[in-house]
C-alpha atoms as a PDB file:
ATOM      1  CA  MET A   1       0.844  -4.156  16.564  1.00  0.00           C
ATOM      2  CA  GLU A   2       4.176  -3.028  15.137  1.00  0.00           C
ATOM      3  CA  ILE A   3       3.870  -5.297  12.099  1.00  0.00           C
ATOM      4  CA  VAL A   4       0.252  -4.413  11.422  1.00  0.00           C
ATOM      5  CA  THR A   5       0.532  -0.647  11.779  1.00  0.00           C
ATOM      6  CA  LYS A   6       3.996   0.110  10.403  1.00  0.00           C
ATOM      7  CA  ILE A   7       5.773  -2.688   8.562  1.00  0.00           C
ATOM      8  CA  ALA A   8       2.820  -4.330   6.775  1.00  0.00           C
ATOM      9  CA  PRO A   9       1.714  -1.216   4.817  1.00  0.00           C
ATOM     10  CA  ILE A  10       5.268  -0.684   3.563  1.00  0.00           C
ATOM     11  CA  CYS A  11       5.624  -4.315   2.475  1.00  0.00           C
ATOM     12  CA  LEU A  12       2.202  -4.246   0.807  1.00  0.00           C
ATOM     13  CA  ALA A  13       3.085  -1.037  -1.041  1.00  0.00           C
ATOM     14  CA  ILE A  14       6.260  -2.717  -2.348  1.00  0.00           C
ATOM     15  CA  ILE A  15       4.183  -5.699  -3.448  1.00  0.00           C
ATOM     16  CA  MET A  16       1.776  -3.399  -5.304  1.00  0.00           C
ATOM     17  CA  PHE A  17       4.756  -1.700  -6.935  1.00  0.00           C
ATOM     18  CA  SER A  18       5.947  -5.079  -8.223  1.00  0.00           C
ATOM     19  CA  LEU A  19       2.439  -5.793  -9.534  1.00  0.00           C
ATOM     20  CA  GLY A  20       2.514  -2.471 -11.347  1.00  0.00           C
ATOM     21  CA  LEU A  21       5.737  -3.501 -13.055  1.00  0.00           C
ATOM     22  CA  GLY A  22       3.803  -6.267 -14.771  1.00  0.00           C
ATOM     23  CA  LEU A  23       0.959  -4.040 -15.986  1.00  0.00           C
ATOM     24  CA  THR A  24       0.461  -1.633 -18.863  1.00  0.00           C
ATOM     25  CA  ILE A  25      -2.206   0.965 -19.611  1.00  0.00           C
ATOM     26  CA  ASN A  26      -3.740  -1.490 -22.090  1.00  0.00           C
ATOM     27  CA  ASP A  27      -4.617  -3.822 -19.220  1.00  0.00           C
ATOM     28  CA  PHE A  28      -6.816  -1.142 -17.672  1.00  0.00           C
ATOM     29  CA  LEU A  29      -8.178   0.005 -21.022  1.00  0.00           C
ATOM     30  CA  ARG A  30      -9.364  -3.572 -21.532  1.00  0.00           C
ATOM     31  CA  VAL A  31     -11.352  -3.294 -18.298  1.00  0.00           C
ATOM     32  CA  ILE A  32     -12.998  -0.112 -19.586  1.00  0.00           C
ATOM     33  CA  LYS A  33     -13.583  -1.533 -23.062  1.00  0.00           C
ATOM     34  CA  TYR A  34     -15.173  -4.697 -21.686  1.00  0.00           C
ATOM     35  CA  PRO A  35     -16.860  -3.522 -18.448  1.00  0.00           C
ATOM     36  CA  LYS A  36     -19.060  -6.595 -17.928  1.00  0.00           C
ATOM     37  CA  ASN A  37     -16.493  -8.424 -15.785  1.00  0.00           C
ATOM     38  CA  PHE A  38     -15.941  -5.335 -13.651  1.00  0.00           C
ATOM     39  CA  LEU A  39     -19.664  -4.765 -13.142  1.00  0.00           C
ATOM     40  CA  VAL A  40     -20.212  -8.392 -12.116  1.00  0.00           C
ATOM     41  CA  GLY A  41     -17.337  -8.203  -9.627  1.00  0.00           C
ATOM     42  CA  PHE A  42     -18.614  -4.863  -8.339  1.00  0.00           C
ATOM     43  CA  PHE A  43     -22.118  -6.260  -7.826  1.00  0.00           C
ATOM     44  CA  CYS A  44     -20.813  -9.318  -5.972  1.00  0.00           C
ATOM     45  CA  GLN A  45     -18.585  -7.302  -3.661  1.00  0.00           C
ATOM     46  CA  VAL A  46     -20.679  -4.222  -2.931  1.00  0.00           C
ATOM     47  CA  ILE A  47     -24.223  -5.626  -2.972  1.00  0.00           C
ATOM     48  CA  LEU A  48     -24.270  -9.431  -2.877  1.00  0.00           C
ATOM     49  CA  LEU A  49     -21.653  -9.956  -0.134  1.00  0.00           C
ATOM     50  CA  PRO A  50     -23.330  -7.653   2.444  1.00  0.00           C
ATOM     51  CA  ALA A  51     -26.719  -9.130   1.512  1.00  0.00           C
ATOM     52  CA  ILE A  52     -25.522 -12.708   2.128  1.00  0.00           C
ATOM     53  CA  ALA A  53     -23.859 -11.613   5.378  1.00  0.00           C
ATOM     54  CA  PHE A  54     -27.115 -10.010   6.534  1.00  0.00           C
ATOM     55  CA  ILE A  55     -29.045 -13.198   5.781  1.00  0.00           C
ATOM     56  CA  LEU A  56     -26.516 -15.289   7.709  1.00  0.00           C
ATOM     57  CA  ILE A  57     -26.542 -13.129  10.845  1.00  0.00           C
ATOM     58  CA  ASN A  58     -30.311 -13.631  10.914  1.00  0.00           C
ATOM     59  CA  LEU A  59     -30.016 -17.398  10.506  1.00  0.00           C
ATOM     60  CA  ILE A  60     -27.149 -18.005  12.955  1.00  0.00           C
ATOM     61  CA  THR A  61     -27.378 -17.062  16.627  1.00  0.00           C
ATOM     62  CA  LEU A  62     -24.713 -14.451  17.367  1.00  0.00           C
ATOM     63  CA  THR A  63     -24.179 -11.694  19.882  1.00  0.00           C
ATOM     64  CA  PRO A  64     -25.122  -8.296  18.422  1.00  0.00           C
ATOM     65  CA  GLU A  65     -21.484  -7.182  18.556  1.00  0.00           C
ATOM     66  CA  ILE A  66     -20.245 -10.181  16.526  1.00  0.00           C
ATOM     67  CA  ALA A  67     -23.125  -9.801  14.070  1.00  0.00           C
ATOM     68  CA  LEU A  68     -22.208  -6.153  13.535  1.00  0.00           C
ATOM     69  CA  GLY A  69     -18.568  -7.152  13.088  1.00  0.00           C
ATOM     70  CA  VAL A  70     -19.607  -9.580  10.329  1.00  0.00           C
ATOM     71  CA  MET A  71     -21.469  -6.775   8.567  1.00  0.00           C
ATOM     72  CA  ILE A  72     -18.466  -4.454   8.856  1.00  0.00           C
ATOM     73  CA  ILE A  73     -16.228  -7.109   7.278  1.00  0.00           C
ATOM     74  CA  ALA A  74     -18.761  -7.709   4.506  1.00  0.00           C
ATOM     75  CA  ALA A  75     -19.056  -3.987   3.816  1.00  0.00           C
ATOM     76  CA  ALA A  76     -15.316  -3.276   3.803  1.00  0.00           C
ATOM     77  CA  PRO A  77     -13.583  -2.907   0.416  1.00  0.00           C
ATOM     78  CA  GLY A  78     -11.147  -5.537  -0.810  1.00  0.00           C
ATOM     79  CA  GLY A  79      -7.580  -4.830   0.229  1.00  0.00           C
ATOM     80  CA  VAL A  80      -4.098  -5.229  -1.169  1.00  0.00           C
ATOM     81  CA  THR A  81      -3.995  -8.960  -0.464  1.00  0.00           C
ATOM     82  CA  SER A  82      -6.836  -9.592  -2.914  1.00  0.00           C
ATOM     83  CA  ASN A  83      -4.681  -8.142  -5.687  1.00  0.00           C
ATOM     84  CA  VAL A  84      -1.676 -10.198  -4.605  1.00  0.00           C
ATOM     85  CA  LEU A  85      -3.655 -13.435  -4.485  1.00  0.00           C
ATOM     86  CA  THR A  86      -5.113 -12.629  -7.909  1.00  0.00           C
ATOM     87  CA  LYS A  87      -1.581 -12.404  -9.247  1.00  0.00           C
ATOM     88  CA  PHE A  88      -0.579 -15.685  -7.597  1.00  0.00           C
ATOM     89  CA  ALA A  89      -3.646 -17.344  -9.163  1.00  0.00           C
ATOM     90  CA  ASN A  90      -2.793 -15.964 -12.627  1.00  0.00           C
ATOM     91  CA  GLY A  91      -5.981 -13.917 -12.591  1.00  0.00           C
ATOM     92  CA  ASP A  92      -6.757 -10.524 -14.108  1.00  0.00           C
ATOM     93  CA  VAL A  93      -4.650  -8.233 -11.900  1.00  0.00           C
ATOM     94  CA  ALA A  94      -5.770  -5.059 -13.665  1.00  0.00           C
ATOM     95  CA  LEU A  95      -9.405  -5.977 -13.032  1.00  0.00           C
ATOM     96  CA  SER A  96      -8.659  -6.754  -9.374  1.00  0.00           C
ATOM     97  CA  ILE A  97      -6.815  -3.455  -8.864  1.00  0.00           C
ATOM     98  CA  SER A  98      -9.606  -1.546 -10.619  1.00  0.00           C
ATOM     99  CA  LEU A  99     -12.164  -3.112  -8.288  1.00  0.00           C
ATOM    100  CA  THR A 100     -10.029  -2.315  -5.239  1.00  0.00           C
ATOM    101  CA  ALA A 101      -9.605   1.315  -6.310  1.00  0.00           C
ATOM    102  CA  ILE A 102     -13.250   2.011  -7.213  1.00  0.00           C
ATOM    103  CA  VAL A 103     -14.805   0.122  -4.305  1.00  0.00           C
ATOM    104  CA  SER A 104     -12.397   1.840  -1.879  1.00  0.00           C
ATOM    105  CA  LEU A 105     -13.495   5.243  -3.160  1.00  0.00           C
ATOM    106  CA  ILE A 106     -17.221   4.598  -2.889  1.00  0.00           C
ATOM    107  CA  SER A 107     -16.765   2.894   0.487  1.00  0.00           C
ATOM    108  CA  ILE A 108     -16.796   6.396   1.933  1.00  0.00           C
ATOM    109  CA  ALA A 109     -20.559   6.198   1.396  1.00  0.00           C
ATOM    110  CA  THR A 110     -21.343   2.465   1.320  1.00  0.00           C
ATOM    111  CA  VAL A 111     -19.591   1.369   4.521  1.00  0.00           C
ATOM    112  CA  PRO A 112     -21.240   3.916   6.864  1.00  0.00           C
ATOM    113  CA  PHE A 113     -24.610   3.209   5.211  1.00  0.00           C
ATOM    114  CA  ILE A 114     -24.354  -0.563   5.764  1.00  0.00           C
ATOM    115  CA  VAL A 115     -22.805  -0.306   9.229  1.00  0.00           C
ATOM    116  CA  PHE A 116     -25.241   2.258  10.625  1.00  0.00           C
ATOM    117  CA  HIS A 117     -28.321   0.467   9.270  1.00  0.00           C
ATOM    118  CA  SER A 118     -26.999  -2.867  10.564  1.00  0.00           C
ATOM    119  CA  ALA A 119     -26.385  -1.321  13.995  1.00  0.00           C
ATOM    120  CA  GLU A 120     -29.913   0.081  13.997  1.00  0.00           C
ATOM    121  CA  PHE A 121     -31.316  -3.349  13.085  1.00  0.00           C
ATOM    122  CA  LEU A 122     -29.241  -5.010  15.827  1.00  0.00           C
ATOM    123  CA  GLU A 123     -30.169  -2.250  18.289  1.00  0.00           C
ATOM    124  CA  ILE A 124     -26.561  -1.234  18.879  1.00  0.00           C
ATOM    125  CA  GLU A 125     -25.634   2.378  19.508  1.00  0.00           C
ATOM    126  CA  ILE A 126     -22.469   3.496  17.720  1.00  0.00           C
ATOM    127  CA  LEU A 127     -20.865   6.862  17.178  1.00  0.00           C
ATOM    128  CA  LYS A 128     -21.436   8.062  13.633  1.00  0.00           C
ATOM    129  CA  GLU A 129     -17.816   9.027  13.122  1.00  0.00           C
ATOM    130  CA  ILE A 130     -16.260   6.474  10.780  1.00  0.00           C
ATOM    131  CA  ALA A 131     -13.342   8.179   9.044  1.00  0.00           C
ATOM    132  CA  MET A 132     -13.758   6.405   5.688  1.00  0.00           C
ATOM    133  CA  SER A 133     -12.060   9.286   3.881  1.00  0.00           C
ATOM    134  CA  SER A 134      -8.809   8.588   5.736  1.00  0.00           C
ATOM    135  CA  ILE A 135      -9.103   4.867   4.991  1.00  0.00           C
ATOM    136  CA  ALA A 136      -9.672   5.597   1.292  1.00  0.00           C
ATOM    137  CA  THR A 137      -6.642   7.908   1.302  1.00  0.00           C
ATOM    138  CA  LYS A 138      -4.446   5.212   2.837  1.00  0.00           C
ATOM    139  CA  MET A 139      -5.672   2.704   0.263  1.00  0.00           C
ATOM    140  CA  PHE A 140      -4.807   5.199  -2.469  1.00  0.00           C
ATOM    141  CA  PHE A 141      -1.199   5.521  -1.296  1.00  0.00           C
ATOM    142  CA  VAL A 142      -0.759   1.795  -0.596  1.00  0.00           C
ATOM    143  CA  VAL A 143      -2.445   0.531  -3.780  1.00  0.00           C
ATOM    144  CA  THR A 144      -2.823   3.149  -6.515  1.00  0.00           C
ATOM    145  CA  VAL A 145       0.409   5.140  -6.170  1.00  0.00           C
ATOM    146  CA  PRO A 146       2.782   2.118  -6.079  1.00  0.00           C
ATOM    147  CA  VAL A 147       0.994   0.535  -9.054  1.00  0.00           C
ATOM    148  CA  LEU A 148       1.278   3.752 -11.061  1.00  0.00           C
ATOM    149  CA  LEU A 149       4.984   4.051 -10.217  1.00  0.00           C
ATOM    150  CA  GLY A 150       5.544   0.452 -11.296  1.00  0.00           C
ATOM    151  CA  MET A 151       3.727   1.041 -14.592  1.00  0.00           C
ATOM    152  CA  ILE A 152       5.753   4.192 -15.269  1.00  0.00           C
ATOM    153  CA  ILE A 153       9.032   2.386 -14.647  1.00  0.00           C
ATOM    154  CA  ARG A 154       7.928  -0.470 -16.915  1.00  0.00           C
ATOM    155  CA  LYS A 155       7.159   2.073 -19.627  1.00  0.00           C
ATOM    156  CA  LEU A 156      10.555   3.722 -19.269  1.00  0.00           C
ATOM    157  CA  LYS A 157      12.673   0.598 -18.666  1.00  0.00           C
ATOM    158  CA  GLN A 158      10.650  -2.183 -20.249  1.00  0.00           C
ATOM    159  CA  ASP A 159      13.588  -4.426 -21.205  1.00  0.00           C
ATOM    160  CA  LEU A 160      15.073  -4.205 -17.706  1.00  0.00           C
ATOM    161  CA  VAL A 161      11.744  -4.911 -16.032  1.00  0.00           C
ATOM    162  CA  ILE A 162      11.019  -7.915 -18.258  1.00  0.00           C
ATOM    163  CA  ALA A 163      14.512  -9.300 -17.589  1.00  0.00           C
ATOM    164  CA  TYR A 164      13.989  -9.187 -13.813  1.00  0.00           C
ATOM    165  CA  GLU A 165      10.243  -9.898 -13.756  1.00  0.00           C
ATOM    166  CA  SER A 166      10.638 -13.322 -12.124  1.00  0.00           C
ATOM    167  CA  LEU A 167      12.843 -11.778  -9.415  1.00  0.00           C
ATOM    168  CA  PHE A 168      10.202  -9.151  -8.653  1.00  0.00           C
ATOM    169  CA  GLN A 169       7.569 -11.875  -8.377  1.00  0.00           C
ATOM    170  CA  LYS A 170       9.726 -13.890  -5.954  1.00  0.00           C
ATOM    171  CA  ILE A 171      10.295 -10.791  -3.809  1.00  0.00           C
ATOM    172  CA  SER A 172       6.522 -10.198  -3.727  1.00  0.00           C
ATOM    173  CA  ILE A 173       5.879 -13.755  -2.587  1.00  0.00           C
ATOM    174  CA  ILE A 174       8.537 -13.516   0.139  1.00  0.00           C
ATOM    175  CA  LEU A 175       7.198 -10.190   1.427  1.00  0.00           C
ATOM    176  CA  PHE A 176       3.641 -11.484   1.401  1.00  0.00           C
ATOM    177  CA  LEU A 177       4.620 -14.575   3.395  1.00  0.00           C
ATOM    178  CA  ILE A 178       6.617 -12.456   5.859  1.00  0.00           C
ATOM    179  CA  VAL A 179       3.671 -10.127   6.494  1.00  0.00           C
ATOM    180  CA  PHE A 180       1.164 -12.994   6.703  1.00  0.00           C
ATOM    181  CA  THR A 181       3.308 -15.005   9.117  1.00  0.00           C
ATOM    182  CA  ALA A 182       4.287 -12.006  11.256  1.00  0.00           C
ATOM    183  CA  ILE A 183       0.675 -10.928  11.718  1.00  0.00           C
ATOM    184  CA  TRP A 184      -0.357 -14.436  12.770  1.00  0.00           C
ATOM    185  CA  VAL A 185       2.517 -14.672  15.240  1.00  0.00           C
ATOM    186  CA  GLU A 186       1.999 -11.181  16.644  1.00  0.00           C
ATOM    187  CA  GLU A 187      -1.787 -11.425  16.907  1.00  0.00           C
ATOM    188  CA  TRP A 188      -2.042 -15.137  17.774  1.00  0.00           C
ATOM    189  CA  GLY A 189      -3.907 -14.602  21.042  1.00  0.00           C
ATOM    190  CA  GLU A 190      -6.456 -12.279  19.460  1.00  0.00           C
ATOM    191  CA  ILE A 191      -6.867 -14.495  16.402  1.00  0.00           C
ATOM    192  CA  MET A 192      -7.649 -17.571  18.498  1.00  0.00           C
ATOM    193  CA  SER A 193     -10.145 -15.564  20.517  1.00  0.00           C
ATOM    194  CA  PHE A 194     -11.865 -14.335  17.350  1.00  0.00           C
ATOM    195  CA  ILE A 195     -11.937 -17.853  15.894  1.00  0.00           C
ATOM    196  CA  LYS A 196     -13.846 -19.075  18.954  1.00  0.00           C
ATOM    197  CA  THR A 197     -16.418 -16.298  18.803  1.00  0.00           C
ATOM    198  CA  ALA A 198     -16.734 -15.627  15.059  1.00  0.00           C
ATOM    199  CA  GLY A 199     -14.990 -18.529  13.351  1.00  0.00           C
ATOM    200  CA  LEU A 200     -18.124 -20.436  12.337  1.00  0.00           C
ATOM    201  CA  ILE A 201     -19.943 -17.494  10.754  1.00  0.00           C
ATOM    202  CA  SER A 202     -16.754 -16.390   9.003  1.00  0.00           C
ATOM    203  CA  ILE A 203     -16.171 -19.833   7.476  1.00  0.00           C
ATOM    204  CA  ILE A 204     -19.801 -20.130   6.363  1.00  0.00           C
ATOM    205  CA  LEU A 205     -19.742 -16.656   4.828  1.00  0.00           C
ATOM    206  CA  ASN A 206     -16.489 -17.355   2.981  1.00  0.00           C
ATOM    207  CA  ILE A 207     -17.580 -20.751   1.651  1.00  0.00           C
ATOM    208  CA  THR A 208     -20.970 -19.389   0.614  1.00  0.00           C
ATOM    209  CA  MET A 209     -19.432 -16.486  -1.296  1.00  0.00           C
ATOM    210  CA  ILE A 210     -16.808 -18.712  -2.923  1.00  0.00           C
ATOM    211  CA  ILE A 211     -19.554 -20.967  -4.274  1.00  0.00           C
ATOM    212  CA  ILE A 212     -21.776 -18.079  -5.341  1.00  0.00           C
ATOM    213  CA  GLY A 213     -18.843 -16.185  -6.832  1.00  0.00           C
ATOM    214  CA  PHE A 214     -17.752 -19.228  -8.811  1.00  0.00           C
ATOM    215  CA  TYR A 215     -21.144 -19.777 -10.404  1.00  0.00           C
ATOM    216  CA  VAL A 216     -21.789 -16.080 -10.992  1.00  0.00           C
ATOM    217  CA  ALA A 217     -18.432 -15.858 -12.789  1.00  0.00           C
ATOM    218  CA  LYS A 218     -19.111 -19.080 -14.678  1.00  0.00           C
ATOM    219  CA  PHE A 219     -22.423 -17.910 -16.117  1.00  0.00           C
ATOM    220  CA  LEU A 220     -22.007 -14.134 -16.361  1.00  0.00           C
ATOM    221  CA  VAL A 221     -18.321 -13.265 -16.835  1.00  0.00           C
ATOM    222  CA  SER A 222     -16.691 -13.381 -20.259  1.00  0.00           C
ATOM    223  CA  GLY A 223     -13.302 -15.016 -20.745  1.00  0.00           C
END
């Protein structure tokens, strides 16, 4: 767990710093000025994803524990990797970061609500002590603070940042691949176990949301 608990957050914070170097305040002002895209993304992540997950756990035979795990995953806010992959796909990084920040903040309320009601539906007793405030705080320091630092440095040293922008992007890719590979190697036994027990529902949920997300974006999101 050394990679997961200690090294990965540091690498991800560095990656977010490099993303911040490529952003300006105007990128986020555009999100505020044209909120439709944000609201559509927010709806898909906070409401539609848990709803689809709930439908699937009722359609597919699962143990109550796995079903609850699916609901926890569906309720959890998007992490750093979503922002990184958005950058790699030439997407709207500012929009992705805004979604991560806002959804992480409100997850203090939404995650316990979804998890506790799902547990009640599945007749599972759980302790009502989910420290979402600490998770939100960690997300703030791993996502928001590095991005802000990167934006400040870009503002102060714009010519230097632009000159080395490709280098920063390459470093981000290398760090991302290191973290991704290290986690798979370190957690291989657990991952294979989870694939056997929850692989099918996870694949179905992902494919379903990719298709729904694509068509929702196609018809509702502006360019």
